[in-house]
Amino acid sequence: MIHSLFLINCSGDIFLEKHWKSVVSQSVCDYFFEAQEKAADVENVPPVISTPHHYLISIYRDKLFFVSVIQTEVPPLFVIEFLHRVADTFQAVVMLGTHSPLGSCPTSHGAEQG
């Protein structure tokens, strides 16, 4: 289903990528960047972009684009729902690391710094 997932910030930096079946070059995101340039607003980038060899299905959440790369036709809503779950998980992990004592630096004895 999903071959690769790219997380892209508003500046166009690909700062995280995950590949499941095979490595897909970051250059596939050039089609996404072209669509982003044509859009009047970042929220108006088409959620499904067809390329010669792939489909790019994306969502925009919390100033990040979650762009999935698909090689065969699949129901886009399944992928969009999955991407929203990934975004929820990503947000929960980031919040855990910034607002929780679990994200604090331990001392050499394993106690939390105060």
PDB file of N, CA and C in Angstrom:
ATOM      1  N   MET A   1       0.829  -1.178   0.000  1.00  0.00           N
ATOM      2  CA  MET A   1       0.000   0.000   0.000  1.00  0.00           C
ATOM      3  C   MET A   1       0.879   1.249   0.000  1.00  0.00           C
ATOM      4  N   ILE A   2       1.355   1.696   1.176  1.00  0.00           N
ATOM      5  CA  ILE A   2       2.234   2.868   1.243  1.00  0.00           C
ATOM      6  C   ILE A   2       3.683   2.389   1.149  1.00  0.00           C
ATOM      7  N   HIS A   3       4.401   2.939   0.196  1.00  0.00           N
ATOM      8  CA  HIS A   3       5.804   2.576   0.038  1.00  0.00           C
ATOM      9  C   HIS A   3       6.698   3.463   0.891  1.00  0.00           C
ATOM     10  N   SER A   4       6.388   4.764   0.933  1.00  0.00           N
ATOM     11  CA  SER A   4       7.231   5.699   1.674  1.00  0.00           C
ATOM     12  C   SER A   4       6.377   6.802   2.263  1.00  0.00           C
ATOM     13  N   LEU A   5       6.916   7.411   3.312  1.00  0.00           N
ATOM     14  CA  LEU A   5       6.259   8.542   3.968  1.00  0.00           C
ATOM     15  C   LEU A   5       7.310   9.620   4.181  1.00  0.00           C
ATOM     16  N   PHE A   6       6.982  10.836   3.788  1.00  0.00           N
ATOM     17  CA  PHE A   6       7.874  11.974   3.970  1.00  0.00           C
ATOM     18  C   PHE A   6       7.167  13.016   4.825  1.00  0.00           C
ATOM     19  N   LEU A   7       7.866  13.571   5.804  1.00  0.00           N
ATOM     20  CA  LEU A   7       7.373  14.694   6.581  1.00  0.00           C
ATOM     21  C   LEU A   7       8.122  15.926   6.122  1.00  0.00           C
ATOM     22  N   ILE A   8       7.356  16.941   5.722  1.00  0.00           N
ATOM     23  CA  ILE A   8       7.912  18.141   5.110  1.00  0.00           C
ATOM     24  C   ILE A   8       7.404  19.353   5.871  1.00  0.00           C
ATOM     25  N   ASN A   9       8.324  20.255   6.250  1.00  0.00           N
ATOM     26  CA  ASN A   9       7.888  21.463   6.946  1.00  0.00           C
ATOM     27  C   ASN A   9       7.496  22.534   5.933  1.00  0.00           C
ATOM     28  N   CYS A  10       7.028  23.680   6.439  1.00  0.00           N
ATOM     29  CA  CYS A  10       6.544  24.745   5.552  1.00  0.00           C
ATOM     30  C   CYS A  10       7.643  25.356   4.695  1.00  0.00           C
ATOM     31  N   SER A  11       8.896  25.185   5.101  1.00  0.00           N
ATOM     32  CA  SER A  11      10.017  25.700   4.311  1.00  0.00           C
ATOM     33  C   SER A  11      10.393  24.766   3.170  1.00  0.00           C
ATOM     34  N   GLY A  12       9.741  23.597   3.114  1.00  0.00           N
ATOM     35  CA  GLY A  12      10.043  22.639   2.063  1.00  0.00           C
ATOM     36  C   GLY A  12      11.165  21.681   2.401  1.00  0.00           C
ATOM     37  N   ASP A  13      11.545  21.631   3.674  1.00  0.00           N
ATOM     38  CA  ASP A  13      12.598  20.710   4.106  1.00  0.00           C
ATOM     39  C   ASP A  13      11.995  19.348   4.431  1.00  0.00           C
ATOM     40  N   ILE A  14      12.532  18.311   3.835  1.00  0.00           N
ATOM     41  CA  ILE A  14      12.135  16.947   4.180  1.00  0.00           C
ATOM     42  C   ILE A  14      12.970  16.564   5.394  1.00  0.00           C
ATOM     43  N   PHE A  15      12.335  16.519   6.558  1.00  0.00           N
ATOM     44  CA  PHE A  15      13.118  16.265   7.755  1.00  0.00           C
ATOM     45  C   PHE A  15      12.938  14.865   8.322  1.00  0.00           C
ATOM     46  N   LEU A  16      12.031  14.094   7.745  1.00  0.00           N
ATOM     47  CA  LEU A  16      11.877  12.713   8.180  1.00  0.00           C
ATOM     48  C   LEU A  16      11.327  11.912   7.016  1.00  0.00           C
ATOM     49  N   GLU A  17      11.852  10.738   6.815  1.00  0.00           N
ATOM     50  CA  GLU A  17      11.321   9.848   5.790  1.00  0.00           C
ATOM     51  C   GLU A  17      11.370   8.417   6.290  1.00  0.00           C
ATOM     52  N   LYS A  18      10.376   7.656   5.901  1.00  0.00           N
ATOM     53  CA  LYS A  18      10.280   6.248   6.279  1.00  0.00           C
ATOM     54  C   LYS A  18       9.902   5.475   5.024  1.00  0.00           C
ATOM     55  N   HIS A  19      10.627   4.382   4.778  1.00  0.00           N
ATOM     56  CA  HIS A  19      10.369   3.545   3.615  1.00  0.00           C
ATOM     57  C   HIS A  19      10.001   2.147   4.107  1.00  0.00           C
ATOM     58  N   TRP A  20       8.947   1.568   3.514  1.00  0.00           N
ATOM     59  CA  TRP A  20       8.525   0.238   3.908  1.00  0.00           C
ATOM     60  C   TRP A  20       8.918  -0.824   2.892  1.00  0.00           C
ATOM     61  N   LYS A  21       8.526  -0.671   1.658  1.00  0.00           N
ATOM     62  CA  LYS A  21       8.783  -1.712   0.666  1.00  0.00           C
ATOM     63  C   LYS A  21      10.114  -1.536  -0.024  1.00  0.00           C
ATOM     64  N   SER A  22      10.371  -0.354  -0.486  1.00  0.00           N
ATOM     65  CA  SER A  22      11.647  -0.052  -1.141  1.00  0.00           C
ATOM     66  C   SER A  22      11.903   1.438  -0.979  1.00  0.00           C
ATOM     67  N   VAL A  23      13.154   1.832  -1.101  1.00  0.00           N
ATOM     68  CA  VAL A  23      13.510   3.242  -0.941  1.00  0.00           C
ATOM     69  C   VAL A  23      13.044   4.007  -2.177  1.00  0.00           C
ATOM     70  N   VAL A  24      12.284   5.049  -1.941  1.00  0.00           N
ATOM     71  CA  VAL A  24      11.823   5.929  -3.006  1.00  0.00           C
ATOM     72  C   VAL A  24      12.604   7.231  -2.863  1.00  0.00           C
ATOM     73  N   SER A  25      13.194   7.677  -3.942  1.00  0.00           N
ATOM     74  CA  SER A  25      14.010   8.882  -3.918  1.00  0.00           C
ATOM     75  C   SER A  25      13.202  10.095  -3.478  1.00  0.00           C
ATOM     76  N   GLN A  26      13.873  10.986  -2.765  1.00  0.00           N
ATOM     77  CA  GLN A  26      13.216  12.231  -2.356  1.00  0.00           C
ATOM     78  C   GLN A  26      12.773  13.071  -3.549  1.00  0.00           C
ATOM     79  N   SER A  27      13.334  12.817  -4.705  1.00  0.00           N
ATOM     80  CA  SER A  27      12.972  13.592  -5.894  1.00  0.00           C
ATOM     81  C   SER A  27      11.506  13.422  -6.268  1.00  0.00           C
ATOM     82  N   VAL A  28      10.854  12.359  -5.782  1.00  0.00           N
ATOM     83  CA  VAL A  28       9.430  12.194  -6.045  1.00  0.00           C
ATOM     84  C   VAL A  28       8.640  13.347  -5.418  1.00  0.00           C
ATOM     85  N   CYS A  29       9.198  13.954  -4.392  1.00  0.00           N
ATOM     86  CA  CYS A  29       8.533  15.082  -3.731  1.00  0.00           C
ATOM     87  C   CYS A  29       8.534  16.341  -4.594  1.00  0.00           C
ATOM     88  N   ASP A  30       9.330  16.357  -5.656  1.00  0.00           N
ATOM     89  CA  ASP A  30       9.331  17.512  -6.552  1.00  0.00           C
ATOM     90  C   ASP A  30       7.940  17.748  -7.138  1.00  0.00           C
ATOM     91  N   TYR A  31       7.194  16.672  -7.416  1.00  0.00           N
ATOM     92  CA  TYR A  31       5.822  16.819  -7.903  1.00  0.00           C
ATOM     93  C   TYR A  31       4.947  17.489  -6.848  1.00  0.00           C
ATOM     94  N   PHE A  32       5.179  17.138  -5.596  1.00  0.00           N
ATOM     95  CA  PHE A  32       4.443  17.767  -4.506  1.00  0.00           C
ATOM     96  C   PHE A  32       4.803  19.248  -4.411  1.00  0.00           C
ATOM     97  N   PHE A  33       6.090  19.562  -4.510  1.00  0.00           N
ATOM     98  CA  PHE A  33       6.537  20.953  -4.415  1.00  0.00           C
ATOM     99  C   PHE A  33       5.960  21.794  -5.557  1.00  0.00           C
ATOM    100  N   GLU A  34       5.859  21.204  -6.757  1.00  0.00           N
ATOM    101  CA  GLU A  34       5.250  21.917  -7.887  1.00  0.00           C
ATOM    102  C   GLU A  34       3.788  22.240  -7.601  1.00  0.00           C
ATOM    103  N   ALA A  35       3.067  21.269  -7.067  1.00  0.00           N
ATOM    104  CA  ALA A  35       1.649  21.489  -6.727  1.00  0.00           C
ATOM    105  C   ALA A  35       1.526  22.522  -5.616  1.00  0.00           C
ATOM    106  N   GLN A  36       2.472  22.500  -4.684  1.00  0.00           N
ATOM    107  CA  GLN A  36       2.454  23.455  -3.582  1.00  0.00           C
ATOM    108  C   GLN A  36       2.660  24.882  -4.103  1.00  0.00           C
ATOM    109  N   GLU A  37       3.546  25.049  -5.082  1.00  0.00           N
ATOM    110  CA  GLU A  37       3.791  26.371  -5.667  1.00  0.00           C
ATOM    111  C   GLU A  37       2.555  26.895  -6.394  1.00  0.00           C
ATOM    112  N   LYS A  38       1.808  26.001  -7.041  1.00  0.00           N
ATOM    113  CA  LYS A  38       0.620  26.401  -7.794  1.00  0.00           C
ATOM    114  C   LYS A  38      -0.555  26.738  -6.883  1.00  0.00           C
ATOM    115  N   ALA A  39      -0.558  26.197  -5.666  1.00  0.00           N
ATOM    116  CA  ALA A  39      -1.674  26.421  -4.742  1.00  0.00           C
ATOM    117  C   ALA A  39      -1.628  27.850  -4.195  1.00  0.00           C
ATOM    118  N   ALA A  40      -2.795  28.440  -4.041  1.00  0.00           N
ATOM    119  CA  ALA A  40      -2.874  29.789  -3.510  1.00  0.00           C
ATOM    120  C   ALA A  40      -2.502  29.842  -2.032  1.00  0.00           C
ATOM    121  N   ASP A  41      -2.726  28.738  -1.331  1.00  0.00           N
ATOM    122  CA  ASP A  41      -2.463  28.662   0.104  1.00  0.00           C
ATOM    123  C   ASP A  41      -1.944  27.264   0.417  1.00  0.00           C
ATOM    124  N   VAL A  42      -1.183  27.115   1.488  1.00  0.00           N
ATOM    125  CA  VAL A  42      -0.617  25.798   1.807  1.00  0.00           C
ATOM    126  C   VAL A  42      -1.704  24.760   2.055  1.00  0.00           C
ATOM    127  N   GLU A  43      -2.846  25.196   2.521  1.00  0.00           N
ATOM    128  CA  GLU A  43      -3.933  24.262   2.796  1.00  0.00           C
ATOM    129  C   GLU A  43      -4.686  23.857   1.520  1.00  0.00           C
ATOM    130  N   ASN A  44      -4.346  24.461   0.392  1.00  0.00           N
ATOM    131  CA  ASN A  44      -5.030  24.156  -0.870  1.00  0.00           C
ATOM    132  C   ASN A  44      -4.223  23.246  -1.787  1.00  0.00           C
ATOM    133  N   VAL A  45      -3.168  22.634  -1.287  1.00  0.00           N
ATOM    134  CA  VAL A  45      -2.416  21.662  -2.083  1.00  0.00           C
ATOM    135  C   VAL A  45      -3.326  20.452  -2.295  1.00  0.00           C
ATOM    136  N   PRO A  46      -3.450  19.957  -3.520  1.00  0.00           N
ATOM    137  CA  PRO A  46      -4.323  18.795  -3.752  1.00  0.00           C
ATOM    138  C   PRO A  46      -3.901  17.605  -2.888  1.00  0.00           C
ATOM    139  N   PRO A  47      -4.859  16.921  -2.257  1.00  0.00           N
ATOM    140  CA  PRO A  47      -4.497  15.784  -1.403  1.00  0.00           C
ATOM    141  C   PRO A  47      -3.993  14.578  -2.182  1.00  0.00           C
ATOM    142  N   VAL A  48      -4.356  14.483  -3.463  1.00  0.00           N
ATOM    143  CA  VAL A  48      -3.900  13.366  -4.301  1.00  0.00           C
ATOM    144  C   VAL A  48      -3.239  13.947  -5.544  1.00  0.00           C
ATOM    145  N   ILE A  49      -1.989  13.544  -5.765  1.00  0.00           N
ATOM    146  CA  ILE A  49      -1.233  14.003  -6.927  1.00  0.00           C
ATOM    147  C   ILE A  49      -0.765  12.770  -7.683  1.00  0.00           C
ATOM    148  N   SER A  50      -1.084  12.734  -8.957  1.00  0.00           N
ATOM    149  CA  SER A  50      -0.672  11.617  -9.796  1.00  0.00           C
ATOM    150  C   SER A  50       0.643  11.977 -10.493  1.00  0.00           C
ATOM    151  N   THR A  51       1.611  11.083 -10.407  1.00  0.00           N
ATOM    152  CA  THR A  51       2.891  11.254 -11.092  1.00  0.00           C
ATOM    153  C   THR A  51       3.026  10.108 -12.093  1.00  0.00           C
ATOM    154  N   PRO A  52       4.033  10.117 -12.949  1.00  0.00           N
ATOM    155  CA  PRO A  52       4.165   9.036 -13.929  1.00  0.00           C
ATOM    156  C   PRO A  52       4.247   7.627 -13.323  1.00  0.00           C
ATOM    157  N   HIS A  53       4.859   7.493 -12.138  1.00  0.00           N
ATOM    158  CA  HIS A  53       5.046   6.161 -11.570  1.00  0.00           C
ATOM    159  C   HIS A  53       4.460   5.984 -10.174  1.00  0.00           C
ATOM    160  N   HIS A  54       3.977   7.062  -9.571  1.00  0.00           N
ATOM    161  CA  HIS A  54       3.480   7.006  -8.198  1.00  0.00           C
ATOM    162  C   HIS A  54       2.239   7.878  -8.039  1.00  0.00           C
ATOM    163  N   TYR A  55       1.586   7.693  -6.914  1.00  0.00           N
ATOM    164  CA  TYR A  55       0.563   8.612  -6.444  1.00  0.00           C
ATOM    165  C   TYR A  55       1.074   9.189  -5.134  1.00  0.00           C
ATOM    166  N   LEU A  56       0.925  10.496  -4.970  1.00  0.00           N
ATOM    167  CA  LEU A  56       1.278  11.142  -3.720  1.00  0.00           C
ATOM    168  C   LEU A  56      -0.010  11.535  -3.027  1.00  0.00           C
ATOM    169  N   ILE A  57      -0.193  11.053  -1.817  1.00  0.00           N
ATOM    170  CA  ILE A  57      -1.383  11.377  -1.037  1.00  0.00           C
ATOM    171  C   ILE A  57      -0.899  12.068   0.220  1.00  0.00           C
ATOM    172  N   SER A  58      -1.446  13.269   0.489  1.00  0.00           N
ATOM    173  CA  SER A  58      -0.896  14.062   1.582  1.00  0.00           C
ATOM    174  C   SER A  58      -1.986  14.707   2.432  1.00  0.00           C
ATOM    175  N   ILE A  59      -1.571  15.075   3.645  1.00  0.00           N
ATOM    176  CA  ILE A  59      -2.389  15.896   4.530  1.00  0.00           C
ATOM    177  C   ILE A  59      -1.504  17.008   5.067  1.00  0.00           C
ATOM    178  N   TYR A  60      -2.133  18.063   5.556  1.00  0.00           N
ATOM    179  CA  TYR A  60      -1.423  19.188   6.172  1.00  0.00           C
ATOM    180  C   TYR A  60      -1.944  19.352   7.588  1.00  0.00           C
ATOM    181  N   ARG A  61      -1.060  19.164   8.567  1.00  0.00           N
ATOM    182  CA  ARG A  61      -1.460  19.283   9.977  1.00  0.00           C
ATOM    183  C   ARG A  61      -0.340  19.943  10.765  1.00  0.00           C
ATOM    184  N   ASP A  62      -0.708  20.894  11.605  1.00  0.00           N
ATOM    185  CA  ASP A  62       0.245  21.536  12.511  1.00  0.00           C
ATOM    186  C   ASP A  62       1.492  22.030  11.785  1.00  0.00           C
ATOM    187  N   LYS A  63       1.282  22.675  10.660  1.00  0.00           N
ATOM    188  CA  LYS A  63       2.353  23.263   9.848  1.00  0.00           C
ATOM    189  C   LYS A  63       3.316  22.228   9.278  1.00  0.00           C
ATOM    190  N   LEU A  64       2.845  20.982   9.132  1.00  0.00           N
ATOM    191  CA  LEU A  64       3.636  19.911   8.525  1.00  0.00           C
ATOM    192  C   LEU A  64       2.821  19.231   7.441  1.00  0.00           C
ATOM    193  N   PHE A  65       3.504  18.823   6.391  1.00  0.00           N
ATOM    194  CA  PHE A  65       2.890  17.988   5.367  1.00  0.00           C
ATOM    195  C   PHE A  65       3.319  16.553   5.604  1.00  0.00           C
ATOM    196  N   PHE A  66       2.360  15.647   5.609  1.00  0.00           N
ATOM    197  CA  PHE A  66       2.607  14.213   5.681  1.00  0.00           C
ATOM    198  C   PHE A  66       2.314  13.681   4.282  1.00  0.00           C
ATOM    199  N   VAL A  67       3.356  13.322   3.545  1.00  0.00           N
ATOM    200  CA  VAL A  67       3.215  12.929   2.140  1.00  0.00           C
ATOM    201  C   VAL A  67       3.542  11.445   2.006  1.00  0.00           C
ATOM    202  N   SER A  68       2.560  10.679   1.564  1.00  0.00           N
ATOM    203  CA  SER A  68       2.770   9.245   1.354  1.00  0.00           C
ATOM    204  C   SER A  68       2.945   8.979  -0.134  1.00  0.00           C
ATOM    205  N   VAL A  69       3.753   7.972  -0.428  1.00  0.00           N
ATOM    206  CA  VAL A  69       4.023   7.584  -1.810  1.00  0.00           C
ATOM    207  C   VAL A  69       3.428   6.205  -2.031  1.00  0.00           C
ATOM    208  N   ILE A  70       2.564   6.109  -3.036  1.00  0.00           N
ATOM    209  CA  ILE A  70       1.854   4.878  -3.359  1.00  0.00           C
ATOM    210  C   ILE A  70       2.195   4.526  -4.805  1.00  0.00           C
ATOM    211  N   GLN A  71       2.364   3.241  -5.114  1.00  0.00           N
ATOM    212  CA  GLN A  71       2.661   2.864  -6.496  1.00  0.00           C
ATOM    213  C   GLN A  71       1.448   2.299  -7.233  1.00  0.00           C
ATOM    214  N   THR A  72       0.428   1.890  -6.517  1.00  0.00           N
ATOM    215  CA  THR A  72      -0.781   1.387  -7.172  1.00  0.00           C
ATOM    216  C   THR A  72      -1.976   2.177  -6.657  1.00  0.00           C
ATOM    217  N   GLU A  73      -3.050   2.139  -7.407  1.00  0.00           N
ATOM    218  CA  GLU A  73      -4.253   2.841  -6.985  1.00  0.00           C
ATOM    219  C   GLU A  73      -4.838   2.181  -5.749  1.00  0.00           C
ATOM    220  N   VAL A  74      -5.120   2.996  -4.756  1.00  0.00           N
ATOM    221  CA  VAL A  74      -5.781   2.550  -3.532  1.00  0.00           C
ATOM    222  C   VAL A  74      -6.832   3.603  -3.195  1.00  0.00           C
ATOM    223  N   PRO A  75      -7.816   3.245  -2.372  1.00  0.00           N
ATOM    224  CA  PRO A  75      -8.783   4.262  -1.961  1.00  0.00           C
ATOM    225  C   PRO A  75      -8.085   5.377  -1.164  1.00  0.00           C
ATOM    226  N   PRO A  76      -8.091   6.584  -1.661  1.00  0.00           N
ATOM    227  CA  PRO A  76      -7.354   7.667  -1.006  1.00  0.00           C
ATOM    228  C   PRO A  76      -7.800   7.933   0.435  1.00  0.00           C
ATOM    229  N   LEU A  77      -9.076   7.724   0.717  1.00  0.00           N
ATOM    230  CA  LEU A  77      -9.542   7.995   2.078  1.00  0.00           C
ATOM    231  C   LEU A  77      -8.904   7.070   3.106  1.00  0.00           C
ATOM    232  N   PHE A  78      -8.588   5.838   2.729  1.00  0.00           N
ATOM    233  CA  PHE A  78      -7.888   4.935   3.645  1.00  0.00           C
ATOM    234  C   PHE A  78      -6.520   5.501   3.993  1.00  0.00           C
ATOM    235  N   VAL A  79      -5.823   5.984   2.992  1.00  0.00           N
ATOM    236  CA  VAL A  79      -4.480   6.525   3.205  1.00  0.00           C
ATOM    237  C   VAL A  79      -4.561   7.824   3.997  1.00  0.00           C
ATOM    238  N   ILE A  80      -5.524   8.668   3.672  1.00  0.00           N
ATOM    239  CA  ILE A  80      -5.690   9.931   4.398  1.00  0.00           C
ATOM    240  C   ILE A  80      -5.999   9.665   5.867  1.00  0.00           C
ATOM    241  N   GLU A  81      -6.854   8.698   6.141  1.00  0.00           N
ATOM    242  CA  GLU A  81      -7.157   8.336   7.529  1.00  0.00           C
ATOM    243  C   GLU A  81      -5.895   7.843   8.241  1.00  0.00           C
ATOM    244  N   PHE A  82      -5.112   7.012   7.568  1.00  0.00           N
ATOM    245  CA  PHE A  82      -3.850   6.530   8.143  1.00  0.00           C
ATOM    246  C   PHE A  82      -2.914   7.694   8.445  1.00  0.00           C
ATOM    247  N   LEU A  83      -2.799   8.636   7.517  1.00  0.00           N
ATOM    248  CA  LEU A  83      -1.917   9.782   7.719  1.00  0.00           C
ATOM    249  C   LEU A  83      -2.362  10.625   8.916  1.00  0.00           C
ATOM    250  N   HIS A  84      -3.667  10.758   9.108  1.00  0.00           N
ATOM    251  CA  HIS A  84      -4.163  11.494  10.276  1.00  0.00           C
ATOM    252  C   HIS A  84      -3.793  10.766  11.569  1.00  0.00           C
ATOM    253  N   ARG A  85      -3.831   9.444  11.557  1.00  0.00           N
ATOM    254  CA  ARG A  85      -3.413   8.670  12.743  1.00  0.00           C
ATOM    255  C   ARG A  85      -1.910   8.832  12.994  1.00  0.00           C
ATOM    256  N   VAL A  86      -1.123   8.858  11.926  1.00  0.00           N
ATOM    257  CA  VAL A  86       0.316   9.095  12.067  1.00  0.00           C
ATOM    258  C   VAL A  86       0.547  10.490  12.653  1.00  0.00           C
ATOM    259  N   ALA A  87      -0.191  11.483  12.157  1.00  0.00           N
ATOM    260  CA  ALA A  87      -0.053  12.848  12.666  1.00  0.00           C
ATOM    261  C   ALA A  87      -0.443  12.916  14.142  1.00  0.00           C
ATOM    262  N   ASP A  88      -1.512  12.225  14.530  1.00  0.00           N
ATOM    263  CA  ASP A  88      -1.926  12.185  15.939  1.00  0.00           C
ATOM    264  C   ASP A  88      -0.814  11.590  16.801  1.00  0.00           C
ATOM    265  N   THR A  89      -0.238  10.495  16.343  1.00  0.00           N
ATOM    266  CA  THR A  89       0.831   9.825  17.090  1.00  0.00           C
ATOM    267  C   THR A  89       2.061  10.718  17.171  1.00  0.00           C
ATOM    268  N   PHE A  90       2.423  11.338  16.059  1.00  0.00           N
ATOM    269  CA  PHE A  90       3.578  12.231  16.027  1.00  0.00           C
ATOM    270  C   PHE A  90       3.384  13.380  17.012  1.00  0.00           C
ATOM    271  N   GLN A  91       2.192  13.968  17.016  1.00  0.00           N
ATOM    272  CA  GLN A  91       1.891  15.064  17.926  1.00  0.00           C
ATOM    273  C   GLN A  91       1.960  14.598  19.379  1.00  0.00           C
ATOM    274  N   ALA A  92       1.444  13.406  19.677  1.00  0.00           N
ATOM    275  CA  ALA A  92       1.476  12.879  21.041  1.00  0.00           C
ATOM    276  C   ALA A  92       2.909  12.655  21.502  1.00  0.00           C
ATOM    277  N   VAL A  93       3.761  12.151  20.635  1.00  0.00           N
ATOM    278  CA  VAL A  93       5.163  11.914  20.996  1.00  0.00           C
ATOM    279  C   VAL A  93       5.883  13.231  21.239  1.00  0.00           C
ATOM    280  N   VAL A  94       5.637  14.212  20.396  1.00  0.00           N
ATOM    281  CA  VAL A  94       6.275  15.517  20.568  1.00  0.00           C
ATOM    282  C   VAL A  94       5.806  16.159  21.866  1.00  0.00           C
ATOM    283  N   MET A  95       4.512  16.087  22.153  1.00  0.00           N
ATOM    284  CA  MET A  95       3.983  16.656  23.394  1.00  0.00           C
ATOM    285  C   MET A  95       4.550  15.926  24.604  1.00  0.00           C
ATOM    286  N   LEU A  96       4.700  14.636  24.517  1.00  0.00           N
ATOM    287  CA  LEU A  96       5.257  13.854  25.617  1.00  0.00           C
ATOM    288  C   LEU A  96       6.676  14.302  25.912  1.00  0.00           C
ATOM    289  N   GLY A  97       7.434  14.556  24.875  1.00  0.00           N
ATOM    290  CA  GLY A  97       8.823  14.954  25.045  1.00  0.00           C
ATOM    291  C   GLY A  97       9.004  16.370  25.537  1.00  0.00           C
ATOM    292  N   THR A  98       8.015  17.242  25.349  1.00  0.00           N
ATOM    293  CA  THR A  98       8.184  18.641  25.726  1.00  0.00           C
ATOM    294  C   THR A  98       7.452  19.033  26.996  1.00  0.00           C
ATOM    295  N   HIS A  99       6.391  18.318  27.366  1.00  0.00           N
ATOM    296  CA  HIS A  99       5.593  18.737  28.508  1.00  0.00           C
ATOM    297  C   HIS A  99       5.517  17.711  29.626  1.00  0.00           C
ATOM    298  N   SER A 100       6.234  16.640  29.524  1.00  0.00           N
ATOM    299  CA  SER A 100       6.124  15.572  30.501  1.00  0.00           C
ATOM    300  C   SER A 100       7.426  15.400  31.268  1.00  0.00           C
ATOM    301  N   PRO A 101       7.331  15.011  32.546  1.00  0.00           N
ATOM    302  CA  PRO A 101       8.562  14.720  33.277  1.00  0.00           C
ATOM    303  C   PRO A 101       9.363  13.596  32.626  1.00  0.00           C
ATOM    304  N   LEU A 102       8.703  12.756  31.847  1.00  0.00           N
ATOM    305  CA  LEU A 102       9.431  11.686  31.165  1.00  0.00           C
ATOM    306  C   LEU A 102      10.431  12.246  30.167  1.00  0.00           C
ATOM    307  N   GLY A 103      10.186  13.478  29.704  1.00  0.00           N
ATOM    308  CA  GLY A 103      11.084  14.103  28.747  1.00  0.00           C
ATOM    309  C   GLY A 103      12.222  14.864  29.403  1.00  0.00           C
ATOM    310  N   SER A 104      12.241  14.913  30.744  1.00  0.00           N
ATOM    311  CA  SER A 104      13.297  15.623  31.451  1.00  0.00           C
ATOM    312  C   SER A 104      14.595  14.838  31.414  1.00  0.00           C
ATOM    313  N   CYS A 105      15.692  15.543  31.554  1.00  0.00           N
ATOM    314  CA  CYS A 105      16.998  14.884  31.561  1.00  0.00           C
ATOM    315  C   CYS A 105      17.261  14.282  32.936  1.00  0.00           C
ATOM    316  N   PRO A 106      17.594  13.010  33.011  1.00  0.00           N
ATOM    317  CA  PRO A 106      17.897  12.398  34.303  1.00  0.00           C
ATOM    318  C   PRO A 106      19.304  12.762  34.763  1.00  0.00           C
ATOM    319  N   THR A 107      19.508  12.694  36.070  1.00  0.00           N
ATOM    320  CA  THR A 107      20.857  12.892  36.611  1.00  0.00           C
ATOM    321  C   THR A 107      21.603  11.580  36.467  1.00  0.00           C
ATOM    322  N   SER A 108      22.827  11.560  36.921  1.00  0.00           N
ATOM    323  CA  SER A 108      23.627  10.349  36.784  1.00  0.00           C
ATOM    324  C   SER A 108      23.082   9.189  37.614  1.00  0.00           C
ATOM    325  N   HIS A 109      22.239   9.488  38.621  1.00  0.00           N
ATOM    326  CA  HIS A 109      21.650   8.439  39.460  1.00  0.00           C
ATOM    327  C   HIS A 109      20.267   8.040  38.985  1.00  0.00           C
ATOM    328  N   GLY A 110      19.821   8.625  37.883  1.00  0.00           N
ATOM    329  CA  GLY A 110      18.512   8.270  37.336  1.00  0.00           C
ATOM    330  C   GLY A 110      17.386   9.102  37.916  1.00  0.00           C
ATOM    331  N   ALA A 111      17.670  10.022  38.820  1.00  0.00           N
ATOM    332  CA  ALA A 111      16.629  10.882  39.380  1.00  0.00           C
ATOM    333  C   ALA A 111      16.390  12.059  38.450  1.00  0.00           C
ATOM    334  N   GLU A 112      15.201  12.586  38.488  1.00  0.00           N
ATOM    335  CA  GLU A 112      14.847  13.710  37.636  1.00  0.00           C
ATOM    336  C   GLU A 112      15.500  14.978  38.142  1.00  0.00           C
ATOM    337  N   GLN A 113      16.003  15.815  37.240  1.00  0.00           N
ATOM    338  CA  GLN A 113      16.606  17.073  37.626  1.00  0.00           C
ATOM    339  C   GLN A 113      15.527  18.051  38.036  1.00  0.00           C
ATOM    340  N   GLY A 114      15.813  18.898  38.939  1.00  0.00           N
ATOM    341  CA  GLY A 114      14.799  19.851  39.394  1.00  0.00           C
ATOM    342  C   GLY A 114      15.126  21.253  39.125  1.00  0.00           C
TER     343      GLY A 114
END
